[in-house]
C-alpha cells in the first residue's frame, strides 16, 4: 500500500492508497483543495472545519448530479438500443422480403425466357 502527503487548506495530510493510485489521489486532493479555496474566497474566514465540511458537501452534490445524469443517459441509451433492435428487425424482414421478390422476379424472367425460346 502506497502513502502520499497531500495538502488541503494549507495543511499536510498523510494518506494511504493502492499502489499505482498515488497520482489519482493527489489529483483528487488538489481538486478538493481548490473547492476549499473557492469557498474561502466566497465566504472568507468561517473556520477550517466549516470550509472542509462545505467542500465535502459540494463534492457530494456534484457526485449526486453526475449520478442523476448517468441515470438519465443510461435510460436514453437503453431506449436507443431498443430502437436499434427494432430497426434491425425491420431491416432483416425487409431483406427477407427483397430476397423473395428477387426470387419471384427471377422465376418470372426464366419463365418468359423459356416461352420466348420456344417461339
PDB file of N, CA and C in Angstrom:
ATOM      1  N   UNK A   1       0.850  -1.169   0.000  1.00  0.00           N
ATOM      2  CA  UNK A   1       0.000   0.000   0.000  1.00  0.00           C
ATOM      3  C   UNK A   1       0.899   1.236   0.000  1.00  0.00           C
ATOM      4  N   UNK A   2       0.629   2.139  -0.910  1.00  0.00           N
ATOM      5  CA  UNK A   2       1.430   3.356  -1.037  1.00  0.00           C
ATOM      6  C   UNK A   2       0.923   4.430  -0.089  1.00  0.00           C
ATOM      7  N   UNK A   3       1.784   5.373   0.229  1.00  0.00           N
ATOM      8  CA  UNK A   3       1.403   6.519   1.046  1.00  0.00           C
ATOM      9  C   UNK A   3       1.917   7.778   0.379  1.00  0.00           C
ATOM     10  N   UNK A   4       1.081   8.810   0.436  1.00  0.00           N
ATOM     11  CA  UNK A   4       1.486  10.108  -0.101  1.00  0.00           C
ATOM     12  C   UNK A   4       1.064  11.178   0.892  1.00  0.00           C
ATOM     13  N   UNK A   5       1.617  12.354   0.706  1.00  0.00           N
ATOM     14  CA  UNK A   5       1.217  13.507   1.514  1.00  0.00           C
ATOM     15  C   UNK A   5       0.488  14.472   0.596  1.00  0.00           C
ATOM     16  N   UNK A   6      -0.714  14.847   1.010  1.00  0.00           N
ATOM     17  CA  UNK A   6      -1.497  15.811   0.241  1.00  0.00           C
ATOM     18  C   UNK A   6      -1.658  17.075   1.071  1.00  0.00           C
ATOM     19  N   UNK A   7      -1.860  18.188   0.392  1.00  0.00           N
ATOM     20  CA  UNK A   7      -2.069  19.466   1.069  1.00  0.00           C
ATOM     21  C   UNK A   7      -3.476  19.952   0.802  1.00  0.00           C
ATOM     22  N   UNK A   8      -4.207  20.169   1.866  1.00  0.00           N
ATOM     23  CA  UNK A   8      -5.572  20.682   1.767  1.00  0.00           C
ATOM     24  C   UNK A   8      -5.710  21.819   2.766  1.00  0.00           C
ATOM     25  N   UNK A   9      -6.100  22.967   2.231  1.00  0.00           N
ATOM     26  CA  UNK A   9      -6.325  24.138   3.068  1.00  0.00           C
ATOM     27  C   UNK A   9      -5.072  24.498   3.870  1.00  0.00           C
ATOM     28  N   UNK A  10      -3.917  24.363   3.220  1.00  0.00           N
ATOM     29  CA  UNK A  10      -2.665  24.743   3.852  1.00  0.00           C
ATOM     30  C   UNK A  10      -2.118  23.748   4.852  1.00  0.00           C
ATOM     31  N   UNK A  11      -2.734  22.614   4.962  1.00  0.00           N
ATOM     32  CA  UNK A  11      -2.270  21.595   5.901  1.00  0.00           C
ATOM     33  C   UNK A  11      -1.895  20.323   5.143  1.00  0.00           C
ATOM     34  N   UNK A  12      -0.916  19.625   5.684  1.00  0.00           N
ATOM     35  CA  UNK A  12      -0.465  18.375   5.081  1.00  0.00           C
ATOM     36  C   UNK A  12      -1.143  17.199   5.746  1.00  0.00           C
ATOM     37  N   UNK A  13      -1.533  16.237   4.911  1.00  0.00           N
ATOM     38  CA  UNK A  13      -2.173  15.021   5.402  1.00  0.00           C
ATOM     39  C   UNK A  13      -1.498  13.829   4.733  1.00  0.00           C
ATOM     40  N   UNK A  14      -1.118  12.873   5.550  1.00  0.00           N
ATOM     41  CA  UNK A  14      -0.530  11.632   5.035  1.00  0.00           C
ATOM     42  C   UNK A  14      -1.688  10.683   4.735  1.00  0.00           C
ATOM     43  N   UNK A  15      -1.708  10.137   3.518  1.00  0.00           N
ATOM     44  CA  UNK A  15      -2.809   9.268   3.113  1.00  0.00           C
ATOM     45  C   UNK A  15      -2.271   8.003   2.461  1.00  0.00           C
ATOM     46  N   UNK A  16      -2.984   6.930   2.653  1.00  0.00           N
ATOM     47  CA  UNK A  16      -2.636   5.656   2.019  1.00  0.00           C
ATOM     48  C   UNK A  16      -3.541   5.422   0.822  1.00  0.00           C
ATOM     49  N   UNK A  17      -3.005   4.713  -0.151  1.00  0.00           N
ATOM     50  CA  UNK A  17      -3.796   4.362  -1.329  1.00  0.00           C
ATOM     51  C   UNK A  17      -3.201   3.105  -1.943  1.00  0.00           C
ATOM     52  N   UNK A  18      -3.924   2.525  -2.879  1.00  0.00           N
ATOM     53  CA  UNK A  18      -3.425   1.356  -3.606  1.00  0.00           C
ATOM     54  C   UNK A  18      -2.185   1.751  -4.396  1.00  0.00           C
ATOM     55  N   UNK A  19      -1.269   0.825  -4.515  1.00  0.00           N
ATOM     56  CA  UNK A  19      -0.080   1.084  -5.329  1.00  0.00           C
ATOM     57  C   UNK A  19      -0.509   1.474  -6.741  1.00  0.00           C
ATOM     58  N   UNK A  20       0.102   2.501  -7.279  1.00  0.00           N
ATOM     59  CA  UNK A  20      -0.224   2.972  -8.618  1.00  0.00           C
ATOM     60  C   UNK A  20      -1.315   4.029  -8.644  1.00  0.00           C
ATOM     61  N   UNK A  21      -1.972   4.280  -7.503  1.00  0.00           N
ATOM     62  CA  UNK A  21      -3.063   5.254  -7.444  1.00  0.00           C
ATOM     63  C   UNK A  21      -2.618   6.592  -6.854  1.00  0.00           C
ATOM     64  N   UNK A  22      -1.314   6.750  -6.644  1.00  0.00           N
ATOM     65  CA  UNK A  22      -0.811   7.954  -5.997  1.00  0.00           C
ATOM     66  C   UNK A  22      -1.184   9.227  -6.773  1.00  0.00           C
ATOM     67  N   UNK A  23      -0.968   9.223  -8.066  1.00  0.00           N
ATOM     68  CA  UNK A  23      -1.266  10.415  -8.876  1.00  0.00           C
ATOM     69  C   UNK A  23      -2.758  10.732  -8.850  1.00  0.00           C
ATOM     70  N   UNK A  24      -3.567   9.700  -8.883  1.00  0.00           N
ATOM     71  CA  UNK A  24      -5.025   9.901  -8.840  1.00  0.00           C
ATOM     72  C   UNK A  24      -5.440  10.525  -7.513  1.00  0.00           C
ATOM     73  N   UNK A  25      -4.926   9.987  -6.410  1.00  0.00           N
ATOM     74  CA  UNK A  25      -5.245  10.535  -5.095  1.00  0.00           C
ATOM     75  C   UNK A  25      -4.750  11.969  -4.981  1.00  0.00           C
ATOM     76  N   UNK A  26      -3.572  12.249  -5.515  1.00  0.00           N
ATOM     77  CA  UNK A  26      -3.036  13.611  -5.481  1.00  0.00           C
ATOM     78  C   UNK A  26      -3.953  14.557  -6.244  1.00  0.00           C
ATOM     79  N   UNK A  27      -4.435  14.124  -7.395  1.00  0.00           N
ATOM     80  CA  UNK A  27      -5.346  14.946  -8.195  1.00  0.00           C
ATOM     81  C   UNK A  27      -6.647  15.205  -7.443  1.00  0.00           C
ATOM     82  N   UNK A  28      -7.199  14.168  -6.822  1.00  0.00           N
ATOM     83  CA  UNK A  28      -8.424  14.348  -6.040  1.00  0.00           C
ATOM     84  C   UNK A  28      -8.216  15.348  -4.909  1.00  0.00           C
ATOM     85  N   UNK A  29      -7.083  15.238  -4.229  1.00  0.00           N
ATOM     86  CA  UNK A  29      -6.782  16.161  -3.138  1.00  0.00           C
ATOM     87  C   UNK A  29      -6.650  17.591  -3.657  1.00  0.00           C
ATOM     88  N   UNK A  30      -6.026  17.757  -4.807  1.00  0.00           N
ATOM     89  CA  UNK A  30      -5.883  19.091  -5.395  1.00  0.00           C
ATOM     90  C   UNK A  30      -7.247  19.673  -5.759  1.00  0.00           C
ATOM     91  N   UNK A  31      -8.138  18.850  -6.293  1.00  0.00           N
ATOM     92  CA  UNK A  31      -9.477  19.327  -6.632  1.00  0.00           C
ATOM     93  C   UNK A  31     -10.252  19.705  -5.371  1.00  0.00           C
ATOM     94  N   UNK A  32     -10.110  18.903  -4.324  1.00  0.00           N
ATOM     95  CA  UNK A  32     -10.784  19.202  -3.064  1.00  0.00           C
ATOM     96  C   UNK A  32     -10.221  20.487  -2.468  1.00  0.00           C
ATOM     97  N   UNK A  33      -8.911  20.655  -2.511  1.00  0.00           N
ATOM     98  CA  UNK A  33      -8.276  21.868  -2.013  1.00  0.00           C
ATOM     99  C   UNK A  33      -8.778  23.088  -2.788  1.00  0.00           C
ATOM    100  N   UNK A  34      -8.957  22.943  -4.085  1.00  0.00           N
ATOM    101  CA  UNK A  34      -9.474  24.048  -4.906  1.00  0.00           C
ATOM    102  C   UNK A  34     -10.880  24.432  -4.464  1.00  0.00           C
ATOM    103  N   UNK A  35     -11.700  23.431  -4.104  1.00  0.00           N
ATOM    104  CA  UNK A  35     -13.049  23.730  -3.597  1.00  0.00           C
ATOM    105  C   UNK A  35     -12.974  24.523  -2.303  1.00  0.00           C
ATOM    106  N   UNK A  36     -12.095  24.084  -1.414  1.00  0.00           N
ATOM    107  CA  UNK A  36     -11.938  24.782  -0.133  1.00  0.00           C
ATOM    108  C   UNK A  36     -11.492  26.219  -0.380  1.00  0.00           C
ATOM    109  N   UNK A  37     -10.538  26.419  -1.281  1.00  0.00           N
ATOM    110  CA  UNK A  37     -10.058  27.768  -1.594  1.00  0.00           C
ATOM    111  C   UNK A  37     -11.170  28.620  -2.198  1.00  0.00           C
ATOM    112  N   UNK A  38     -11.981  28.005  -3.062  1.00  0.00           N
ATOM    113  CA  UNK A  38     -13.097  28.727  -3.672  1.00  0.00           C
ATOM    114  C   UNK A  38     -14.076  29.180  -2.592  1.00  0.00           C
ATOM    115  N   UNK A  39     -14.371  28.292  -1.660  1.00  0.00           N
ATOM    116  CA  UNK A  39     -15.280  28.650  -0.577  1.00  0.00           C
ATOM    117  C   UNK A  39     -14.690  29.738   0.312  1.00  0.00           C
ATOM    118  N   UNK A  40     -13.391  29.647   0.590  1.00  0.00           N
ATOM    119  CA  UNK A  40     -12.736  30.665   1.415  1.00  0.00           C
ATOM    120  C   UNK A  40     -12.828  32.020   0.716  1.00  0.00           C
ATOM    121  N   UNK A  41     -12.648  32.027  -0.611  1.00  0.00           N
ATOM    122  CA  UNK A  41     -12.755  33.276  -1.364  1.00  0.00           C
ATOM    123  C   UNK A  41     -14.179  33.825  -1.289  1.00  0.00           C
ATOM    124  N   UNK A  42     -15.165  32.931  -1.387  1.00  0.00           N
ATOM    125  CA  UNK A  42     -16.564  33.358  -1.372  1.00  0.00           C
ATOM    126  C   UNK A  42     -17.050  33.782   0.005  1.00  0.00           C
ATOM    127  N   UNK A  43     -16.643  33.047   1.046  1.00  0.00           N
ATOM    128  CA  UNK A  43     -17.211  33.266   2.370  1.00  0.00           C
ATOM    129  C   UNK A  43     -16.240  33.859   3.381  1.00  0.00           C
ATOM    130  N   UNK A  44     -14.975  33.948   3.032  1.00  0.00           N
ATOM    131  CA  UNK A  44     -13.992  34.493   3.966  1.00  0.00           C
ATOM    132  C   UNK A  44     -13.610  33.468   5.015  1.00  0.00           C
ATOM    133  N   UNK A  45     -13.092  33.948   6.110  1.00  0.00           N
ATOM    134  CA  UNK A  45     -12.644  33.082   7.200  1.00  0.00           C
ATOM    135  C   UNK A  45     -13.850  32.673   8.043  1.00  0.00           C
ATOM    136  N   UNK A  46     -14.361  31.491   7.765  1.00  0.00           N
ATOM    137  CA  UNK A  46     -15.513  30.993   8.533  1.00  0.00           C
ATOM    138  C   UNK A  46     -15.144  29.748   9.334  1.00  0.00           C
ATOM    139  N   UNK A  47     -13.872  29.444   9.368  1.00  0.00           N
ATOM    140  CA  UNK A  47     -13.407  28.290  10.124  1.00  0.00           C
ATOM    141  C   UNK A  47     -13.026  27.149   9.203  1.00  0.00           C
ATOM    142  N   UNK A  48     -11.885  26.537   9.524  1.00  0.00           N
ATOM    143  CA  UNK A  48     -11.367  25.455   8.686  1.00  0.00           C
ATOM    144  C   UNK A  48     -12.327  24.273   8.606  1.00  0.00           C
ATOM    145  N   UNK A  49     -12.870  23.899   9.728  1.00  0.00           N
ATOM    146  CA  UNK A  49     -13.757  22.736   9.738  1.00  0.00           C
ATOM    147  C   UNK A  49     -15.011  22.996   8.903  1.00  0.00           C
ATOM    148  N   UNK A  50     -15.566  24.173   9.042  1.00  0.00           N
ATOM    149  CA  UNK A  50     -16.775  24.511   8.277  1.00  0.00           C
ATOM    150  C   UNK A  50     -16.470  24.537   6.777  1.00  0.00           C
ATOM    151  N   UNK A  51     -15.316  25.112   6.404  1.00  0.00           N
ATOM    152  CA  UNK A  51     -14.922  25.135   4.988  1.00  0.00           C
ATOM    153  C   UNK A  51     -14.767  23.718   4.450  1.00  0.00           C
ATOM    154  N   UNK A  52     -14.147  22.854   5.232  1.00  0.00           N
ATOM    155  CA  UNK A  52     -13.927  21.481   4.809  1.00  0.00           C
ATOM    156  C   UNK A  52     -15.257  20.745   4.649  1.00  0.00           C
ATOM    157  N   UNK A  53     -16.158  20.944   5.604  1.00  0.00           N
ATOM    158  CA  UNK A  53     -17.476  20.297   5.513  1.00  0.00           C
ATOM    159  C   UNK A  53     -18.240  20.820   4.303  1.00  0.00           C
ATOM    160  N   UNK A  54     -18.197  22.123   4.089  1.00  0.00           N
ATOM    161  CA  UNK A  54     -18.898  22.692   2.929  1.00  0.00           C
ATOM    162  C   UNK A  54     -18.325  22.148   1.623  1.00  0.00           C
ATOM    163  N   UNK A  55     -17.001  22.036   1.548  1.00  0.00           N
ATOM    164  CA  UNK A  55     -16.373  21.497   0.338  1.00  0.00           C
ATOM    165  C   UNK A  55     -16.778  20.039   0.148  1.00  0.00           C
ATOM    166  N   UNK A  56     -16.825  19.281   1.227  1.00  0.00           N
ATOM    167  CA  UNK A  56     -17.263  17.886   1.137  1.00  0.00           C
ATOM    168  C   UNK A  56     -18.695  17.778   0.638  1.00  0.00           C
ATOM    169  N   UNK A  57     -19.560  18.643   1.165  1.00  0.00           N
ATOM    170  CA  UNK A  57     -20.969  18.643   0.724  1.00  0.00           C
ATOM    171  C   UNK A  57     -21.063  19.043  -0.748  1.00  0.00           C
ATOM    172  N   UNK A  58     -20.269  20.032  -1.163  1.00  0.00           N
ATOM    173  CA  UNK A  58     -20.263  20.430  -2.576  1.00  0.00           C
ATOM    174  C   UNK A  58     -19.817  19.265  -3.455  1.00  0.00           C
ATOM    175  N   UNK A  59     -18.791  18.552  -3.000  1.00  0.00           N
ATOM    176  CA  UNK A  59     -18.324  17.389  -3.757  1.00  0.00           C
ATOM    177  C   UNK A  59     -19.413  16.330  -3.862  1.00  0.00           C
ATOM    178  N   UNK A  60     -20.109  16.086  -2.775  1.00  0.00           N
ATOM    179  CA  UNK A  60     -21.199  15.112  -2.795  1.00  0.00           C
ATOM    180  C   UNK A  60     -22.336  15.577  -3.698  1.00  0.00           C
ATOM    181  N   UNK A  61     -22.588  16.887  -3.730  1.00  0.00           N
ATOM    182  CA  UNK A  61     -23.617  17.426  -4.622  1.00  0.00           C
ATOM    183  C   UNK A  61     -23.241  17.171  -6.077  1.00  0.00           C
ATOM    184  N   UNK A  62     -21.971  17.370  -6.405  1.00  0.00           N
ATOM    185  CA  UNK A  62     -21.515  17.089  -7.768  1.00  0.00           C
ATOM    186  C   UNK A  62     -21.684  15.612  -8.105  1.00  0.00           C
ATOM    187  N   UNK A  63     -21.328  14.741  -7.156  1.00  0.00           N
ATOM    188  CA  UNK A  63     -21.490  13.299  -7.363  1.00  0.00           C
ATOM    189  C   UNK A  63     -22.959  12.972  -7.583  1.00  0.00           C
ATOM    190  N   UNK A  64     -23.834  13.553  -6.773  1.00  0.00           N
ATOM    191  CA  UNK A  64     -25.274  13.320  -6.892  1.00  0.00           C
ATOM    192  C   UNK A  64     -25.779  13.731  -8.273  1.00  0.00           C
ATOM    193  N   UNK A  65     -25.390  14.931  -8.698  1.00  0.00           N
ATOM    194  CA  UNK A  65     -25.818  15.421 -10.015  1.00  0.00           C
ATOM    195  C   UNK A  65     -25.287  14.530 -11.132  1.00  0.00           C
ATOM    196  N   UNK A  66     -24.039  14.113 -11.028  1.00  0.00           N
ATOM    197  CA  UNK A  66     -23.462  13.244 -12.062  1.00  0.00           C
ATOM    198  C   UNK A  66     -24.158  11.892 -12.102  1.00  0.00           C
ATOM    199  N   UNK A  67     -24.499  11.358 -10.932  1.00  0.00           N
ATOM    200  CA  UNK A  67     -25.226  10.083 -10.900  1.00  0.00           C
ATOM    201  C   UNK A  67     -26.584  10.227 -11.570  1.00  0.00           C
ATOM    202  N   UNK A  68     -27.261  11.351 -11.327  1.00  0.00           N
ATOM    203  CA  UNK A  68     -28.549  11.584 -11.983  1.00  0.00           C
ATOM    204  C   UNK A  68     -28.381  11.665 -13.497  1.00  0.00           C
ATOM    205  N   UNK A  69     -27.339  12.368 -13.937  1.00  0.00           N
ATOM    206  CA  UNK A  69     -27.089  12.482 -15.374  1.00  0.00           C
ATOM    207  C   UNK A  69     -26.777  11.114 -15.976  1.00  0.00           C
ATOM    208  N   UNK A  70     -25.974  10.333 -15.274  1.00  0.00           N
ATOM    209  CA  UNK A  70     -25.649   8.988 -15.755  1.00  0.00           C
ATOM    210  C   UNK A  70     -26.916   8.148 -15.849  1.00  0.00           C
ATOM    211  N   UNK A  71     -27.790   8.258 -14.851  1.00  0.00           N
ATOM    212  CA  UNK A  71     -29.040   7.503 -14.856  1.00  0.00           C
ATOM    213  C   UNK A  71     -29.903   7.882 -16.067  1.00  0.00           C
ATOM    214  N   UNK A  72     -30.007   9.183 -16.331  1.00  0.00           N
ATOM    215  CA  UNK A  72     -30.775   9.653 -17.489  1.00  0.00           C
ATOM    216  C   UNK A  72     -30.155   9.137 -18.779  1.00  0.00           C
ATOM    217  N   UNK A  73     -28.824   9.213 -18.875  1.00  0.00           N
ATOM    218  CA  UNK A  73     -28.136   8.745 -20.079  1.00  0.00           C
ATOM    219  C   UNK A  73     -28.268   7.236 -20.258  1.00  0.00           C
ATOM    220  N   UNK A  74     -28.245   6.488 -19.156  1.00  0.00           N
ATOM    221  CA  UNK A  74     -28.429   5.038 -19.249  1.00  0.00           C
ATOM    222  C   UNK A  74     -29.826   4.702 -19.773  1.00  0.00           C
ATOM    223  N   UNK A  75     -30.840   5.433 -19.303  1.00  0.00           N
ATOM    224  CA  UNK A  75     -32.203   5.207 -19.790  1.00  0.00           C
ATOM    225  C   UNK A  75     -32.307   5.569 -21.270  1.00  0.00           C
ATOM    226  N   UNK A  76     -31.678   6.680 -21.645  1.00  0.00           N
ATOM    227  CA  UNK A  76     -31.682   7.093 -23.052  1.00  0.00           C
ATOM    228  C   UNK A  76     -30.967   6.053 -23.904  1.00  0.00           C
ATOM    229  N   UNK A  77     -29.843   5.554 -23.416  1.00  0.00           N
ATOM    230  CA  UNK A  77     -29.095   4.528 -24.136  1.00  0.00           C
ATOM    231  C   UNK A  77     -29.928   3.271 -24.306  1.00  0.00           C
ATOM    232  N   UNK A  78     -30.628   2.868 -23.256  1.00  0.00           N
ATOM    233  CA  UNK A  78     -31.487   1.674 -23.353  1.00  0.00           C
ATOM    234  C   UNK A  78     -32.575   1.891 -24.395  1.00  0.00           C
ATOM    235  N   UNK A  79     -33.156   3.095 -24.434  1.00  0.00           N
ATOM    236  CA  UNK A  79     -34.152   3.412 -25.456  1.00  0.00           C
ATOM    237  C   UNK A  79     -33.561   3.353 -26.854  1.00  0.00           C
ATOM    238  N   UNK A  80     -32.356   3.872 -27.002  1.00  0.00           N
ATOM    239  CA  UNK A  80     -31.695   3.839 -28.310  1.00  0.00           C
ATOM    240  C   UNK A  80     -31.372   2.411 -28.732  1.00  0.00           C
ATOM    241  N   UNK A  81     -30.953   1.600 -27.765  1.00  0.00           N
ATOM    242  CA  UNK A  81     -30.678   0.195 -28.079  1.00  0.00           C
ATOM    243  C   UNK A  81     -31.947  -0.514 -28.514  1.00  0.00           C
ATOM    244  N   UNK A  82     -33.039  -0.226 -27.830  1.00  0.00           N
ATOM    245  CA  UNK A  82     -34.317  -0.844 -28.184  1.00  0.00           C
ATOM    246  C   UNK A  82     -34.735  -0.418 -29.591  1.00  0.00           C
ATOM    247  N   UNK A  83     -34.588   0.869 -29.872  1.00  0.00           N
ATOM    248  CA  UNK A  83     -34.926   1.375 -31.208  1.00  0.00           C
ATOM    249  C   UNK A  83     -34.044   0.732 -32.254  1.00  0.00           C
ATOM    250  N   UNK A  84     -32.743   0.618 -31.958  1.00  0.00           N
ATOM    251  CA  UNK A  84     -31.811  -0.029 -32.890  1.00  0.00           C
ATOM    252  C   UNK A  84     -32.237  -1.466 -33.160  1.00  0.00           C
ATOM    253  N   UNK A  85     -32.611  -2.187 -32.094  1.00  0.00           N
ATOM    254  CA  UNK A  85     -33.030  -3.577 -32.259  1.00  0.00           C
ATOM    255  C   UNK A  85     -34.280  -3.668 -33.130  1.00  0.00           C
ATOM    256  N   UNK A  86     -35.220  -2.742 -32.928  1.00  0.00           N
ATOM    257  CA  UNK A  86     -36.433  -2.734 -33.741  1.00  0.00           C
ATOM    258  C   UNK A  86     -36.102  -2.453 -35.206  1.00  0.00           C
ATOM    259  N   UNK A  87     -35.214  -1.504 -35.420  1.00  0.00           N
ATOM    260  CA  UNK A  87     -34.814  -1.162 -36.799  1.00  0.00           C
ATOM    261  C   UNK A  87     -34.110  -2.347 -37.443  1.00  0.00           C
ATOM    262  N   UNK A  88     -33.236  -3.005 -36.701  1.00  0.00           N
ATOM    263  CA  UNK A  88     -32.527  -4.167 -37.250  1.00  0.00           C
ATOM    264  C   UNK A  88     -33.507  -5.285 -37.598  1.00  0.00           C
ATOM    265  N   UNK A  89     -34.531  -5.484 -36.765  1.00  0.00           N
ATOM    266  CA  UNK A  89     -35.554  -6.487 -37.078  1.00  0.00           C
ATOM    267  C   UNK A  89     -36.279  -6.125 -38.370  1.00  0.00           C
ATOM    268  N   UNK A  90     -36.608  -4.832 -38.534  1.00  0.00           N
ATOM    269  CA  UNK A  90     -37.290  -4.399 -39.759  1.00  0.00           C
ATOM    270  C   UNK A  90     -36.387  -4.581 -40.978  1.00  0.00           C
ATOM    271  N   UNK A  91     -35.102  -4.297 -40.815  1.00  0.00           N
ATOM    272  CA  UNK A  91     -34.150  -4.469 -41.914  1.00  0.00           C
ATOM    273  C   UNK A  91     -34.098  -5.944 -42.313  1.00  0.00           C
ATOM    274  N   UNK A  92     -34.029  -6.834 -41.332  1.00  0.00           N
ATOM    275  CA  UNK A  92     -33.989  -8.268 -41.634  1.00  0.00           C
ATOM    276  C   UNK A  92     -35.258  -8.701 -42.355  1.00  0.00           C
ATOM    277  N   UNK A  93     -36.407  -8.190 -41.903  1.00  0.00           N
ATOM    278  CA  UNK A  93     -37.666  -8.529 -42.558  1.00  0.00           C
ATOM    279  C   UNK A  93     -37.679  -8.000 -43.993  1.00  0.00           C
ATOM    280  N   UNK A  94     -37.208  -6.768 -44.154  1.00  0.00           N
ATOM    281  CA  UNK A  94     -37.170  -6.175 -45.495  1.00  0.00           C
ATOM    282  C   UNK A  94     -36.225  -6.955 -46.409  1.00  0.00           C
ATOM    283  N   UNK A  95     -35.076  -7.370 -45.866  1.00  0.00           N
ATOM    284  CA  UNK A  95     -34.143  -8.155 -46.661  1.00  0.00           C
ATOM    285  C   UNK A  95     -34.772  -9.486 -47.075  1.00  0.00           C
ATOM    286  N   UNK A  96     -35.480 -10.115 -46.150  1.00  0.00           N
ATOM    287  CA  UNK A  96     -36.134 -11.390 -46.467  1.00  0.00           C
ATOM    288  C   UNK A  96     -37.187 -11.191 -47.548  1.00  0.00           C
ATOM    289  N   UNK A  97     -37.963 -10.111 -47.449  1.00  0.00           N
ATOM    290  CA  UNK A  97     -38.976  -9.825 -48.465  1.00  0.00           C
ATOM    291  C   UNK A  97     -38.317  -9.530 -49.811  1.00  0.00           C
ATOM    292  N   UNK A  98     -37.212  -8.804 -49.772  1.00  0.00           N
ATOM    293  CA  UNK A  98     -36.495  -8.487 -51.003  1.00  0.00           C
ATOM    294  C   UNK A  98     -35.965  -9.752 -51.666  1.00  0.00           C
ATOM    295  N   UNK A  99     -35.439 -10.669 -50.875  1.00  0.00           N
ATOM    296  CA  UNK A  99     -34.954 -11.944 -51.417  1.00  0.00           C
ATOM    297  C   UNK A  99     -36.105 -12.689 -52.084  1.00  0.00           C
ATOM    298  N   UNK A 100     -37.264 -12.715 -51.422  1.00  0.00           N
ATOM    299  CA  UNK A 100     -38.428 -13.391 -52.009  1.00  0.00           C
ATOM    300  C   UNK A 100     -38.849 -12.730 -53.313  1.00  0.00           C
ATOM    301  N   UNK A 101     -38.837 -11.403 -53.339  1.00  0.00           N
ATOM    302  CA  UNK A 101     -39.223 -10.688 -54.559  1.00  0.00           C
ATOM    303  C   UNK A 101     -38.210 -10.930 -55.681  1.00  0.00           C
ATOM    304  N   UNK A 102     -36.926 -10.967 -55.328  1.00  0.00           N
ATOM    305  CA  UNK A 102     -35.902 -11.240 -56.341  1.00  0.00           C
ATOM    306  C   UNK A 102     -36.069 -12.653 -56.881  1.00  0.00           C
ATOM    307  N   UNK A 103     -36.322 -13.599 -55.995  1.00  0.00           N
ATOM    308  CA  UNK A 103     -36.546 -14.982 -56.427  1.00  0.00           C
ATOM    309  C   UNK A 103     -37.757 -15.069 -57.353  1.00  0.00           C
ATOM    310  N   UNK A 104     -38.832 -14.392 -56.978  1.00  0.00           N
ATOM    311  CA  UNK A 104     -40.050 -14.421 -57.812  1.00  0.00           C
ATOM    312  C   UNK A 104     -39.794 -13.757 -59.155  1.00  0.00           C
ATOM    313  N   UNK A 105     -39.080 -12.627 -59.149  1.00  0.00           N
ATOM    314  CA  UNK A 105     -38.765 -11.928 -60.390  1.00  0.00           C
ATOM    315  C   UNK A 105     -37.874 -12.810 -61.269  1.00  0.00           C
ATOM    316  N   UNK A 106     -36.914 -13.455 -60.651  1.00  0.00           N
ATOM    317  CA  UNK A 106     -36.022 -14.351 -61.376  1.00  0.00           C
ATOM    318  C   UNK A 106     -36.814 -15.512 -61.996  1.00  0.00           C
ATOM    319  N   UNK A 107     -37.750 -16.054 -61.230  1.00  0.00           N
ATOM    320  CA  UNK A 107     -38.587 -17.142 -61.732  1.00  0.00           C
ATOM    321  C   UNK A 107     -39.400 -16.673 -62.935  1.00  0.00           C
ATOM    322  N   UNK A 108     -39.971 -15.470 -62.834  1.00  0.00           N
ATOM    323  CA  UNK A 108     -40.775 -14.949 -63.943  1.00  0.00           C
ATOM    324  C   UNK A 108     -39.917 -14.686 -65.177  1.00  0.00           C
ATOM    325  N   UNK A 109     -38.710 -14.177 -64.973  1.00  0.00           N
ATOM    326  CA  UNK A 109     -37.808 -13.928 -66.114  1.00  0.00           C
ATOM    327  C   UNK A 109     -37.446 -15.248 -66.793  1.00  0.00           C
ATOM    328  N   UNK A 110     -37.141 -16.265 -65.996  1.00  0.00           N
ATOM    329  CA  UNK A 110     -36.816 -17.579 -66.565  1.00  0.00           C
ATOM    330  C   UNK A 110     -38.014 -18.148 -67.324  1.00  0.00           C
ATOM    331  N   UNK A 111     -39.182 -17.975 -66.759  1.00  0.00           N
ATOM    332  CA  UNK A 111     -40.407 -18.471 -67.408  1.00  0.00           C
ATOM    333  C   UNK A 111     -40.602 -17.751 -68.749  1.00  0.00           C
ATOM    334  N   UNK A 112     -40.381 -16.450 -68.767  1.00  0.00           N
ATOM    335  CA  UNK A 112     -40.541 -15.693 -70.019  1.00  0.00           C
ATOM    336  C   UNK A 112     -39.474 -16.108 -71.042  1.00  0.00           C
ATOM    337  N   UNK A 113     -38.251 -16.326 -70.554  1.00  0.00           N
ATOM    338  CA  UNK A 113     -37.173 -16.731 -71.436  1.00  0.00           C
ATOM    339  C   UNK A 113     -37.496 -18.067 -72.088  1.00  0.00           C
ATOM    340  N   UNK A 114     -38.054 -18.987 -71.300  1.00  0.00           N
ATOM    341  CA  UNK A 114     -38.448 -20.297 -71.846  1.00  0.00           C
ATOM    342  C   UNK A 114     -39.529 -20.134 -72.910  1.00  0.00           C
ATOM    343  N   UNK A 115     -40.497 -19.276 -72.654  1.00  0.00           N
ATOM    344  CA  UNK A 115     -41.581 -19.060 -73.613  1.00  0.00           C
ATOM    345  C   UNK A 115     -41.032 -18.436 -74.897  1.00  0.00           C
ATOM    346  N   UNK A 116     -40.131 -17.449 -74.727  1.00  0.00           N
ATOM    347  CA  UNK A 116     -39.548 -16.799 -75.908  1.00  0.00           C
ATOM    348  C   UNK A 116     -38.629 -17.760 -76.665  1.00  0.00           C
ATOM    349  N   UNK A 117     -37.969 -18.633 -75.939  1.00  0.00           N
ATOM    350  CA  UNK A 117     -37.077 -19.612 -76.584  1.00  0.00           C
ATOM    351  C   UNK A 117     -37.866 -20.624 -77.385  1.00  0.00           C
ATOM    352  N   UNK A 118     -39.088 -20.871 -77.013  1.00  0.00           N
ATOM    353  CA  UNK A 118     -39.918 -21.831 -77.711  1.00  0.00           C
ATOM    354  C   UNK A 118     -40.587 -21.241 -78.930  1.00  0.00           C
ATOM    355  N   UNK A 119     -40.456 -19.966 -79.164  1.00  0.00           N
ATOM    356  CA  UNK A 119     -41.102 -19.348 -80.324  1.00  0.00           C
ATOM    357  C   UNK A 119     -40.369 -19.538 -81.591  1.00  0.00           C
TER     358      UNK A 119
END
